Structures are given as C-alpha cells and as structure tokens.
C-alpha atoms as a PDB file:
ATOM      1  CA  MET A   1      13.945   7.177 -29.732  1.00  0.00           C
ATOM      2  CA  THR A   2      16.756   7.430 -32.228  1.00  0.00           C
ATOM      3  CA  THR A   3      20.514   7.478 -31.952  1.00  0.00           C
ATOM      4  CA  GLN A   4      22.513  10.709 -31.967  1.00  0.00           C
ATOM      5  CA  HIS A   5      23.971  10.130 -35.431  1.00  0.00           C
ATOM      6  CA  GLY A   6      20.966   9.109 -37.419  1.00  0.00           C
ATOM      7  CA  ASN A   7      17.403   8.011 -37.460  1.00  0.00           C
ATOM      8  CA  GLN A   8      18.112   4.420 -36.539  1.00  0.00           C
ATOM      9  CA  PRO A   9      15.816   3.233 -33.736  1.00  0.00           C
ATOM     10  CA  THR A  10      17.628   2.043 -30.629  1.00  0.00           C
ATOM     11  CA  GLY A  11      14.785  -0.053 -29.221  1.00  0.00           C
ATOM     12  CA  GLN A  12      15.020   1.737 -25.893  1.00  0.00           C
ATOM     13  CA  HIS A  13      12.204   3.810 -24.481  1.00  0.00           C
ATOM     14  CA  TYR A  14      13.064   6.364 -21.850  1.00  0.00           C
ATOM     15  CA  ASN A  15      10.466   8.782 -20.553  1.00  0.00           C
ATOM     16  CA  GLY A  16      12.874  10.910 -18.551  1.00  0.00           C
ATOM     17  CA  ALA A  17      11.232  10.786 -15.119  1.00  0.00           C
ATOM     18  CA  PRO A  18      10.679   7.703 -12.963  1.00  0.00           C
ATOM     19  CA  ARG A  19       7.135   6.406 -13.101  1.00  0.00           C
ATOM     20  CA  ARG A  20       4.900   6.559 -10.060  1.00  0.00           C
ATOM     21  CA  GLY A  21       1.594   4.985  -9.187  1.00  0.00           C
ATOM     22  CA  ALA A  22       1.219   1.423 -10.361  1.00  0.00           C
ATOM     23  CA  ASP A  23       4.975   0.800 -10.249  1.00  0.00           C
ATOM     24  CA  SER A  24       5.377   2.083  -6.698  1.00  0.00           C
ATOM     25  CA  ASN A  25       3.646   0.259  -3.842  1.00  0.00           C
ATOM     26  CA  VAL A  26       5.034   2.313  -0.968  1.00  0.00           C
ATOM     27  CA  LEU A  27       1.700   3.348   0.559  1.00  0.00           C
ATOM     28  CA  SER A  28       0.313  -0.163   0.216  1.00  0.00           C
ATOM     29  CA  ILE A  29       3.287  -1.714   1.986  1.00  0.00           C
ATOM     30  CA  ILE A  30       3.120   0.852   4.790  1.00  0.00           C
ATOM     31  CA  ALA A  31      -0.621   0.168   5.113  1.00  0.00           C
ATOM     32  CA  MET A  32      -0.028  -3.585   5.373  1.00  0.00           C
ATOM     33  CA  VAL A  33       2.616  -3.116   8.063  1.00  0.00           C
ATOM     34  CA  LEU A  34       0.302  -0.825  10.026  1.00  0.00           C
ATOM     35  CA  GLY A  35      -2.511  -3.364   9.677  1.00  0.00           C
ATOM     36  CA  VAL A  36      -0.365  -6.118  11.144  1.00  0.00           C
ATOM     37  CA  ILE A  37       0.834  -3.852  13.966  1.00  0.00           C
ATOM     38  CA  GLY A  38      -2.780  -2.843  14.585  1.00  0.00           C
ATOM     39  CA  PHE A  39      -3.766  -6.477  14.995  1.00  0.00           C
ATOM     40  CA  ILE A  40      -1.435  -6.731  17.993  1.00  0.00           C
ATOM     41  CA  PHE A  41      -1.243  -3.214  19.437  1.00  0.00           C
ATOM     42  CA  LEU A  42      -3.765  -0.307  19.374  1.00  0.00           C
ATOM     43  CA  PRO A  43      -5.899  -1.358  16.408  1.00  0.00           C
ATOM     44  CA  ILE A  44      -8.044   1.771  16.478  1.00  0.00           C
ATOM     45  CA  VAL A  45      -4.915   3.845  15.766  1.00  0.00           C
ATOM     46  CA  PHE A  46      -2.546   1.755  13.648  1.00  0.00           C
ATOM     47  CA  ALA A  47      -4.968  -0.341  11.621  1.00  0.00           C
ATOM     48  CA  LEU A  48      -7.270   2.619  11.003  1.00  0.00           C
ATOM     49  CA  VAL A  49      -4.382   4.708   9.674  1.00  0.00           C
ATOM     50  CA  GLY A  50      -3.342   1.722   7.575  1.00  0.00           C
ATOM     51  CA  LEU A  51      -6.854   1.447   6.179  1.00  0.00           C
ATOM     52  CA  VAL A  52      -6.899   5.118   5.241  1.00  0.00           C
ATOM     53  CA  LEU A  53      -3.488   4.817   3.565  1.00  0.00           C
ATOM     54  CA  ALA A  54      -4.655   1.740   1.662  1.00  0.00           C
ATOM     55  CA  ILE A  55      -7.737   3.557   0.394  1.00  0.00           C
ATOM     56  CA  VAL A  56      -5.596   6.510  -0.711  1.00  0.00           C
ATOM     57  CA  ALA A  57      -3.247   4.078  -2.447  1.00  0.00           C
ATOM     58  CA  LYS A  58      -6.214   2.542  -4.274  1.00  0.00           C
ATOM     59  CA  THR A  59      -8.100   5.678  -5.296  1.00  0.00           C
ATOM     60  CA  VAL A  60      -5.382   8.274  -5.839  1.00  0.00           C
ATOM     61  CA  ARG A  61      -2.194   6.384  -6.674  1.00  0.00           C
ATOM     62  CA  HIS A  62      -3.714   3.215  -8.254  1.00  0.00           C
ATOM     63  CA  GLU A  63      -1.173   0.897  -6.649  1.00  0.00           C
ATOM     64  CA  ARG A  64      -1.271  -2.816  -7.436  1.00  0.00           C
ATOM     65  CA  LEU A  65      -1.057  -4.017  -3.823  1.00  0.00           C
ATOM     66  CA  SER A  66      -3.707  -1.624  -2.519  1.00  0.00           C
ATOM     67  CA  THR A  67      -6.487  -4.224  -2.458  1.00  0.00           C
ATOM     68  CA  VAL A  68      -4.335  -6.548  -0.371  1.00  0.00           C
ATOM     69  CA  ALA A  69      -3.476  -3.636   1.919  1.00  0.00           C
ATOM     70  CA  ILE A  70      -7.170  -2.816   2.395  1.00  0.00           C
ATOM     71  CA  VAL A  71      -7.919  -6.420   3.368  1.00  0.00           C
ATOM     72  CA  VAL A  72      -4.932  -6.692   5.734  1.00  0.00           C
ATOM     73  CA  SER A  73      -5.747  -3.379   7.424  1.00  0.00           C
ATOM     74  CA  ALA A  74      -9.443  -4.254   7.782  1.00  0.00           C
ATOM     75  CA  ILE A  75      -8.588  -7.637   9.282  1.00  0.00           C
ATOM     76  CA  GLY A  76      -6.081  -5.920  11.583  1.00  0.00           C
ATOM     77  CA  LEU A  77      -8.723  -3.418  12.687  1.00  0.00           C
ATOM     78  CA  VAL A  78     -11.537  -5.885  13.331  1.00  0.00           C
ATOM     79  CA  GLY A  79      -9.306  -8.723  14.514  1.00  0.00           C
ATOM     80  CA  GLY A  80      -7.363  -6.474  16.852  1.00  0.00           C
ATOM     81  CA  MET A  81     -10.517  -5.126  18.429  1.00  0.00           C
ATOM     82  CA  VAL A  82     -11.939  -8.632  18.876  1.00  0.00           C
ATOM     83  CA  LEU A  83      -8.625  -9.872  20.301  1.00  0.00           C
ATOM     84  CA  GLY A  84      -8.530  -6.920  22.683  1.00  0.00           C
ATOM     85  CA  ALA A  85     -12.079  -7.596  23.838  1.00  0.00           C
ATOM     86  CA  VAL A  86     -11.339 -11.288  24.402  1.00  0.00           C
ATOM     87  CA  LEU A  87      -8.157 -10.558  26.339  1.00  0.00           C
ATOM     88  CA  ALA A  88      -9.876  -7.856  28.404  1.00  0.00           C
ATOM     89  CA  ASN A  89     -12.559 -10.330  29.558  1.00  0.00           C
ATOM     90  CA  MET A  90     -10.106 -12.980  30.726  1.00  0.00           C
END
C-alpha cells in the first residue's frame, strides 16, 4: 500500500473487509458454552448441538478453538448422560 501523494510504502496492510474464520472463534465459544450447559442440563440437546457447532467450526470455518470445543462438548455429552444415569438411580 502506498501513500496518496507518492509511491512511498506506508507499512500498513489493509484488506478492506474484516477477516473471518481463524480470527473469529464465535462458533467454538458457543459450542463450549453449550457443552458445559449440557453437562448439567439436558445433555442430549445442548451438548449435542454444541458438538455439531464445534464440528462445523472445525471443518467449515477453521477456527482455532474448535478442537477444544469438540472436546468440551463431547465431555459434556457423555459426562452429562453418565451424571443423569447416576442421579436417576439414587
């Protein structure tokens, strides 16, 4: 990128539009929150939706936190179902 009055480089790089994907972890964060909620309340709904969102974040959007979100949602799904089974048999 050059200045308006000449060909002197400014050292700034501006692409025009905000970047998405690896810079944005919105789906991964939502998936982690749903995984934690699923551990406590209705794991088959919340943690499963979180797992799907985490997989979409990994495959489509290539987010950095998607692997963590997959693990948290899977633990929320399995752990919530085990916790529910243990509490149901008390």
